[in-house]
N, C-alpha and C. Protein backbone atom coordinates (compact mmCIF):
# COMPACT_ATOMS: atom_id res chain seq x y z
N MET A 1 91.98 113.67 106.73
CA MET A 1 91.42 114.09 105.46
C MET A 1 90.00 114.56 105.69
N ASN A 2 89.62 115.60 105.01
CA ASN A 2 88.25 116.10 105.07
C ASN A 2 87.43 115.27 104.08
N ALA A 3 86.66 114.34 104.59
CA ALA A 3 85.93 113.40 103.74
C ALA A 3 84.87 114.09 102.87
N LYS A 4 84.43 115.29 103.26
CA LYS A 4 83.38 115.97 102.50
C LYS A 4 83.90 116.52 101.17
N SER A 5 85.14 116.91 101.12
CA SER A 5 85.65 117.51 99.89
C SER A 5 87.14 117.20 99.70
N PRO A 6 87.47 115.92 99.51
CA PRO A 6 88.89 115.60 99.34
C PRO A 6 89.42 116.07 97.99
N VAL A 7 90.71 116.30 97.96
CA VAL A 7 91.43 116.55 96.72
C VAL A 7 91.87 115.19 96.22
N THR A 8 91.71 114.93 94.93
CA THR A 8 92.01 113.61 94.39
C THR A 8 93.07 113.70 93.30
N VAL A 9 94.04 112.81 93.38
CA VAL A 9 95.03 112.62 92.33
C VAL A 9 94.84 111.19 91.82
N ARG A 10 94.77 111.05 90.49
CA ARG A 10 94.58 109.71 89.91
C ARG A 10 95.63 109.51 88.81
N VAL A 11 96.34 108.38 88.87
CA VAL A 11 97.32 108.03 87.85
C VAL A 11 97.09 106.59 87.40
N THR A 12 97.42 106.32 86.15
CA THR A 12 97.24 104.99 85.58
C THR A 12 98.54 104.56 84.91
N HIS A 13 98.84 103.27 85.02
CA HIS A 13 100.05 102.71 84.40
C HIS A 13 99.75 101.30 83.91
N ARG A 14 100.21 100.99 82.70
CA ARG A 14 100.09 99.62 82.17
C ARG A 14 101.38 98.86 82.44
N PHE A 15 101.21 97.61 82.86
CA PHE A 15 102.34 96.75 83.19
C PHE A 15 102.33 95.52 82.27
N ASP A 16 103.52 95.04 81.93
CA ASP A 16 103.65 93.80 81.17
C ASP A 16 103.47 92.59 82.08
N ALA A 17 103.54 92.79 83.38
CA ALA A 17 103.45 91.71 84.38
C ALA A 17 102.00 91.36 84.67
N SER A 18 101.80 90.18 85.23
CA SER A 18 100.46 89.72 85.61
C SER A 18 99.91 90.57 86.76
N PRO A 19 98.57 90.62 86.90
CA PRO A 19 97.98 91.34 88.03
C PRO A 19 98.52 90.84 89.37
N GLU A 20 98.73 89.53 89.48
CA GLU A 20 99.21 88.96 90.74
C GLU A 20 100.61 89.48 91.10
N ARG A 21 101.50 89.53 90.11
CA ARG A 21 102.87 90.02 90.37
C ARG A 21 102.85 91.49 90.77
N VAL A 22 102.04 92.28 90.08
CA VAL A 22 101.96 93.71 90.38
C VAL A 22 101.38 93.91 91.78
N PHE A 23 100.29 93.23 92.07
CA PHE A 23 99.63 93.36 93.38
C PHE A 23 100.56 92.92 94.51
N ASP A 24 101.17 91.75 94.34
CA ASP A 24 102.01 91.19 95.41
C ASP A 24 103.20 92.07 95.74
N ALA A 25 103.72 92.82 94.77
CA ALA A 25 104.86 93.70 95.02
C ALA A 25 104.53 94.76 96.06
N TRP A 26 103.28 95.19 96.13
CA TRP A 26 102.87 96.21 97.10
C TRP A 26 102.93 95.70 98.54
N LEU A 27 102.82 94.38 98.71
CA LEU A 27 102.72 93.82 100.06
C LEU A 27 103.95 93.03 100.49
N ASP A 28 104.94 92.93 99.65
CA ASP A 28 106.18 92.21 99.95
C ASP A 28 107.24 93.25 100.34
N PRO A 29 107.70 93.25 101.60
CA PRO A 29 108.64 94.30 102.04
C PRO A 29 109.90 94.39 101.19
N GLU A 30 110.44 93.26 100.76
CA GLU A 30 111.66 93.30 99.96
C GLU A 30 111.42 93.93 98.59
N LYS A 31 110.29 93.64 97.99
CA LYS A 31 109.96 94.24 96.70
C LYS A 31 109.54 95.70 96.87
N ALA A 32 108.69 95.97 97.84
CA ALA A 32 108.18 97.33 98.05
C ALA A 32 109.31 98.31 98.35
N ARG A 33 110.35 97.87 99.02
CA ARG A 33 111.44 98.78 99.34
C ARG A 33 112.20 99.21 98.09
N GLY A 34 111.96 98.53 96.96
CA GLY A 34 112.61 98.90 95.71
C GLY A 34 111.88 99.96 94.92
N PHE A 35 110.64 100.28 95.31
CA PHE A 35 109.89 101.28 94.53
C PHE A 35 109.03 102.21 95.37
N LEU A 36 108.52 101.77 96.50
CA LEU A 36 107.51 102.54 97.23
C LEU A 36 108.17 103.61 98.12
N PHE A 37 107.85 104.86 97.87
CA PHE A 37 108.36 106.02 98.62
C PHE A 37 109.87 106.16 98.51
N VAL A 38 110.46 105.67 97.43
CA VAL A 38 111.89 105.78 97.18
C VAL A 38 112.10 107.01 96.28
N THR A 39 113.12 107.80 96.60
CA THR A 39 113.46 108.95 95.76
C THR A 39 114.90 108.82 95.28
N ALA A 40 115.19 109.50 94.18
CA ALA A 40 116.54 109.45 93.61
C ALA A 40 117.57 110.06 94.56
N SER A 41 117.15 111.04 95.36
CA SER A 41 118.09 111.72 96.25
C SER A 41 118.10 111.16 97.66
N GLY A 42 117.32 110.11 97.90
CA GLY A 42 117.25 109.57 99.26
C GLY A 42 117.60 108.10 99.33
N GLU A 43 117.51 107.58 100.54
CA GLU A 43 117.81 106.19 100.80
C GLU A 43 116.70 105.64 101.70
N LEU A 44 116.17 104.48 101.35
CA LEU A 44 115.15 103.86 102.18
C LEU A 44 115.85 103.08 103.29
N VAL A 45 115.59 103.46 104.55
CA VAL A 45 116.29 102.82 105.67
C VAL A 45 115.43 101.81 106.41
N CYS A 46 114.13 101.79 106.13
CA CYS A 46 113.25 100.84 106.82
C CYS A 46 112.01 100.59 105.97
N ALA A 47 111.61 99.32 105.88
CA ALA A 47 110.37 98.94 105.21
C ALA A 47 109.73 97.82 106.01
N ARG A 48 108.63 98.13 106.68
CA ARG A 48 107.90 97.12 107.46
C ARG A 48 106.48 97.03 106.93
N ILE A 49 106.01 95.80 106.73
CA ILE A 49 104.67 95.57 106.22
C ILE A 49 104.03 94.42 106.98
N ASP A 50 102.84 94.67 107.52
CA ASP A 50 101.99 93.63 108.10
C ASP A 50 100.79 93.52 107.16
N ALA A 51 100.91 92.64 106.15
CA ALA A 51 99.99 92.60 105.01
C ALA A 51 98.69 91.87 105.34
N ARG A 52 97.82 92.54 106.07
CA ARG A 52 96.49 92.02 106.39
C ARG A 52 95.59 93.22 106.65
N VAL A 53 94.30 93.04 106.46
CA VAL A 53 93.37 94.13 106.76
C VAL A 53 93.53 94.46 108.25
N GLY A 54 93.76 95.72 108.54
CA GLY A 54 94.03 96.16 109.91
C GLY A 54 95.51 96.18 110.23
N GLY A 55 96.32 95.58 109.37
CA GLY A 55 97.77 95.59 109.55
C GLY A 55 98.35 96.93 109.13
N ALA A 56 99.53 97.22 109.60
CA ALA A 56 100.15 98.51 109.34
C ALA A 56 101.41 98.36 108.48
N PHE A 57 101.83 99.49 107.92
CA PHE A 57 103.11 99.54 107.22
C PHE A 57 103.84 100.80 107.65
N ALA A 58 105.17 100.76 107.50
CA ALA A 58 106.01 101.93 107.76
C ALA A 58 107.20 101.87 106.81
N PHE A 59 107.43 102.97 106.12
CA PHE A 59 108.59 103.14 105.26
C PHE A 59 109.30 104.41 105.73
N VAL A 60 110.59 104.30 105.98
CA VAL A 60 111.36 105.45 106.41
C VAL A 60 112.44 105.72 105.37
N GLY A 61 112.37 106.91 104.80
CA GLY A 61 113.37 107.33 103.82
C GLY A 61 114.24 108.42 104.41
N ARG A 62 115.53 108.36 104.15
CA ARG A 62 116.46 109.39 104.62
C ARG A 62 116.78 110.30 103.44
N ARG A 63 116.46 111.58 103.60
CA ARG A 63 116.69 112.58 102.56
C ARG A 63 117.42 113.77 103.18
N ASP A 64 118.59 114.05 102.67
CA ASP A 64 119.39 115.17 103.17
C ASP A 64 119.59 115.07 104.68
N GLY A 65 119.85 113.85 105.18
CA GLY A 65 120.12 113.65 106.59
C GLY A 65 118.89 113.63 107.48
N GLU A 66 117.71 113.75 106.90
CA GLU A 66 116.47 113.75 107.68
C GLU A 66 115.64 112.52 107.34
N ASP A 67 115.06 111.89 108.37
CA ASP A 67 114.21 110.73 108.15
C ASP A 67 112.77 111.18 107.93
N ILE A 68 112.17 110.65 106.86
CA ILE A 68 110.78 110.94 106.52
C ILE A 68 110.02 109.62 106.61
N GLU A 69 109.01 109.57 107.47
CA GLU A 69 108.27 108.34 107.70
C GLU A 69 106.91 108.38 107.01
N HIS A 70 106.64 107.33 106.22
CA HIS A 70 105.33 107.11 105.59
C HIS A 70 104.69 105.93 106.32
N THR A 71 103.54 106.15 106.93
CA THR A 71 102.88 105.08 107.67
C THR A 71 101.43 104.97 107.22
N GLY A 72 100.85 103.81 107.51
CA GLY A 72 99.45 103.64 107.19
C GLY A 72 98.93 102.30 107.64
N GLU A 73 97.67 102.08 107.33
CA GLU A 73 96.98 100.84 107.69
C GLU A 73 96.26 100.32 106.46
N TYR A 74 96.29 99.00 106.29
CA TYR A 74 95.59 98.36 105.18
C TYR A 74 94.10 98.28 105.51
N LEU A 75 93.28 98.87 104.65
CA LEU A 75 91.84 98.93 104.87
C LEU A 75 91.10 97.85 104.07
N GLU A 76 91.60 97.55 102.87
CA GLU A 76 91.03 96.50 102.02
C GLU A 76 92.17 95.80 101.29
N ILE A 77 92.11 94.48 101.24
CA ILE A 77 93.06 93.70 100.46
C ILE A 77 92.25 92.64 99.71
N GLU A 78 92.13 92.82 98.40
CA GLU A 78 91.40 91.88 97.55
C GLU A 78 92.32 91.46 96.41
N ARG A 79 93.19 90.51 96.71
CA ARG A 79 94.19 90.06 95.74
C ARG A 79 93.52 89.42 94.54
N PRO A 80 93.90 89.73 93.34
CA PRO A 80 94.92 90.68 92.89
C PRO A 80 94.33 91.96 92.32
N ARG A 81 93.14 92.35 92.75
CA ARG A 81 92.42 93.44 92.09
C ARG A 81 92.40 94.78 92.82
N ARG A 82 92.41 94.76 94.16
CA ARG A 82 92.17 96.02 94.87
C ARG A 82 92.92 96.04 96.20
N LEU A 83 93.56 97.18 96.44
CA LEU A 83 94.27 97.42 97.69
C LEU A 83 93.94 98.84 98.12
N VAL A 84 93.50 99.00 99.36
CA VAL A 84 93.17 100.33 99.89
C VAL A 84 93.90 100.48 101.21
N PHE A 85 94.58 101.63 101.37
CA PHE A 85 95.29 101.87 102.61
C PHE A 85 95.24 103.35 102.98
N SER A 86 95.37 103.59 104.28
CA SER A 86 95.51 104.97 104.75
C SER A 86 96.98 105.34 104.61
N LEU A 87 97.26 106.63 104.57
CA LEU A 87 98.64 107.09 104.42
C LEU A 87 98.82 108.38 105.19
N THR A 88 99.86 108.40 106.02
CA THR A 88 100.23 109.60 106.76
C THR A 88 101.73 109.83 106.58
N VAL A 89 102.10 111.05 106.30
CA VAL A 89 103.50 111.45 106.26
C VAL A 89 103.65 112.51 107.35
N GLN A 90 104.15 112.09 108.52
CA GLN A 90 104.18 112.96 109.70
C GLN A 90 104.87 114.30 109.45
N LYS A 91 105.90 114.32 108.65
CA LYS A 91 106.64 115.56 108.41
C LYS A 91 105.77 116.61 107.73
N HIS A 92 104.87 116.18 106.88
CA HIS A 92 104.10 117.12 106.07
C HIS A 92 102.70 117.40 106.58
N ALA A 93 102.08 116.44 107.25
CA ALA A 93 100.71 116.65 107.72
C ALA A 93 100.36 115.60 108.76
N ARG A 94 99.47 115.95 109.61
CA ARG A 94 98.98 115.00 110.61
C ARG A 94 97.73 114.27 110.12
N ASP A 95 97.15 114.77 109.02
CA ASP A 95 95.95 114.15 108.48
C ASP A 95 96.28 112.81 107.83
N THR A 96 95.27 112.00 107.70
CA THR A 96 95.42 110.71 107.04
C THR A 96 94.75 110.76 105.68
N ASP A 97 95.52 110.35 104.67
CA ASP A 97 95.00 110.27 103.31
C ASP A 97 94.51 108.85 103.05
N ARG A 98 93.87 108.67 101.91
CA ARG A 98 93.38 107.35 101.50
C ARG A 98 93.90 107.08 100.09
N VAL A 99 94.52 105.91 99.92
CA VAL A 99 95.06 105.51 98.62
C VAL A 99 94.38 104.21 98.20
N THR A 100 93.87 104.20 96.96
CA THR A 100 93.23 103.02 96.41
C THR A 100 94.00 102.59 95.17
N VAL A 101 94.38 101.32 95.13
CA VAL A 101 95.08 100.74 93.99
C VAL A 101 94.13 99.72 93.38
N GLU A 102 93.77 99.92 92.11
CA GLU A 102 92.88 98.99 91.42
C GLU A 102 93.63 98.44 90.20
N ILE A 103 93.58 97.13 90.05
CA ILE A 103 94.31 96.46 88.97
C ILE A 103 93.33 95.68 88.12
N VAL A 104 93.39 95.94 86.81
CA VAL A 104 92.51 95.27 85.85
C VAL A 104 93.38 94.43 84.92
N PRO A 105 93.06 93.13 84.79
CA PRO A 105 93.84 92.30 83.87
C PRO A 105 93.57 92.70 82.42
N LEU A 106 94.61 92.65 81.62
CA LEU A 106 94.50 92.88 80.19
C LEU A 106 94.87 91.59 79.47
N ARG A 107 94.73 91.58 78.17
CA ARG A 107 95.11 90.38 77.41
C ARG A 107 96.55 89.99 77.70
N THR A 108 97.40 90.99 77.74
CA THR A 108 98.77 90.78 78.19
C THR A 108 99.04 91.81 79.27
N GLY A 109 99.40 91.37 80.44
CA GLY A 109 99.70 92.27 81.54
C GLY A 109 98.46 92.78 82.24
N CYS A 110 98.56 94.02 82.72
CA CYS A 110 97.44 94.61 83.47
C CYS A 110 97.57 96.13 83.47
N GLU A 111 96.50 96.77 83.92
CA GLU A 111 96.49 98.22 84.07
C GLU A 111 96.17 98.54 85.52
N LEU A 112 97.00 99.39 86.12
CA LEU A 112 96.82 99.80 87.51
C LEU A 112 96.38 101.25 87.54
N THR A 113 95.33 101.53 88.30
CA THR A 113 94.89 102.90 88.54
C THR A 113 95.02 103.17 90.03
N LEU A 114 95.75 104.21 90.36
CA LEU A 114 95.96 104.60 91.75
C LEU A 114 95.23 105.92 91.99
N THR A 115 94.43 105.96 93.04
CA THR A 115 93.69 107.16 93.43
C THR A 115 94.11 107.56 94.82
N HIS A 116 94.60 108.77 94.95
CA HIS A 116 95.06 109.30 96.24
C HIS A 116 94.12 110.44 96.64
N GLU A 117 93.39 110.24 97.74
CA GLU A 117 92.48 111.25 98.27
C GLU A 117 93.13 111.90 99.48
N MET A 118 93.19 113.24 99.45
CA MET A 118 93.85 113.97 100.53
C MET A 118 93.04 115.21 100.89
N GLY A 119 93.43 115.85 101.97
CA GLY A 119 92.73 117.04 102.44
C GLY A 119 92.84 118.22 101.50
N ARG A 120 91.91 119.15 101.61
CA ARG A 120 91.85 120.33 100.73
C ARG A 120 93.12 121.17 100.79
N GLU A 121 93.85 121.12 101.90
CA GLU A 121 95.05 121.95 102.02
C GLU A 121 96.14 121.55 101.01
N TRP A 122 95.97 120.39 100.36
CA TRP A 122 96.94 119.92 99.37
C TRP A 122 96.53 120.26 97.95
N ALA A 123 95.49 121.06 97.78
CA ALA A 123 94.98 121.38 96.44
C ALA A 123 96.05 122.01 95.53
N ASP A 124 96.96 122.78 96.09
CA ASP A 124 98.00 123.42 95.28
C ASP A 124 99.19 122.50 95.00
N HIS A 125 99.15 121.28 95.49
CA HIS A 125 100.29 120.36 95.35
C HIS A 125 99.95 119.12 94.54
N THR A 126 98.83 119.14 93.84
CA THR A 126 98.42 117.93 93.12
C THR A 126 99.40 117.54 92.01
N ASP A 127 100.02 118.53 91.36
CA ASP A 127 100.98 118.20 90.30
C ASP A 127 102.17 117.43 90.85
N SER A 128 102.70 117.87 92.00
CA SER A 128 103.85 117.16 92.58
C SER A 128 103.44 115.79 93.11
N MET A 129 102.24 115.69 93.65
CA MET A 129 101.74 114.38 94.11
C MET A 129 101.60 113.43 92.92
N GLU A 130 101.02 113.94 91.83
CA GLU A 130 100.85 113.11 90.64
C GLU A 130 102.19 112.65 90.10
N SER A 131 103.15 113.56 90.02
CA SER A 131 104.46 113.18 89.50
C SER A 131 105.16 112.21 90.44
N GLY A 132 104.95 112.32 91.73
CA GLY A 132 105.52 111.36 92.68
C GLY A 132 104.97 109.95 92.46
N TRP A 133 103.66 109.85 92.30
CA TRP A 133 103.05 108.53 92.06
C TRP A 133 103.45 107.97 90.69
N ILE A 134 103.56 108.83 89.68
CA ILE A 134 104.01 108.36 88.36
C ILE A 134 105.41 107.77 88.48
N GLY A 135 106.27 108.42 89.24
CA GLY A 135 107.62 107.90 89.47
C GLY A 135 107.63 106.58 90.21
N ILE A 136 106.76 106.46 91.20
CA ILE A 136 106.66 105.20 91.96
C ILE A 136 106.20 104.07 91.05
N LEU A 137 105.20 104.32 90.21
CA LEU A 137 104.70 103.27 89.31
C LEU A 137 105.73 102.92 88.24
N ALA A 138 106.49 103.90 87.78
CA ALA A 138 107.57 103.63 86.82
C ALA A 138 108.65 102.77 87.48
N ALA A 139 108.98 103.06 88.73
CA ALA A 139 109.98 102.27 89.45
C ALA A 139 109.48 100.84 89.67
N LEU A 140 108.19 100.69 89.95
CA LEU A 140 107.60 99.35 90.10
C LEU A 140 107.71 98.59 88.79
N ALA A 141 107.39 99.25 87.68
CA ALA A 141 107.48 98.59 86.36
C ALA A 141 108.92 98.17 86.07
N ALA A 142 109.88 99.03 86.35
CA ALA A 142 111.28 98.69 86.11
C ALA A 142 111.72 97.51 86.97
N MET A 143 111.29 97.49 88.23
CA MET A 143 111.64 96.39 89.12
C MET A 143 111.04 95.07 88.62
N LEU A 144 109.81 95.11 88.15
CA LEU A 144 109.14 93.88 87.69
C LEU A 144 109.74 93.38 86.38
N ASN A 145 110.36 94.27 85.63
CA ASN A 145 110.98 93.89 84.35
C ASN A 145 112.42 93.41 84.49
N GLU A 146 112.98 93.48 85.70
CA GLU A 146 114.38 93.04 85.91
C GLU A 146 114.51 91.55 85.80
């Protein structure tokens, strides 16, 4: 990512669940495999998480017979308020993006704001990135409501 002029996508979602439940879902491989980087047309074939600062994650989704790997490293973990990680999708770019998840408690539930910073070459794709993250947060909400 070009740190001098990143492209930023920001999405917000309110959850009926506690900040702890929402936060913990991001770091639990069994829960994360139900919403993170999952698409309607694909299948998640691998979810590995080493949930510590400096630890890595890898999610592999199979779409149309092709494996797409999402990898990264946890940069900050401040349960239940803040999670920051790097993100690389080898198929689409060699650059590393930065994703920040911030959770604020509400009287009932919480509000999550996700900020995805990426290189300038993605400036024309912010709508699809935003819709992807909106889908991920909706899937997280549905999973937490089950």
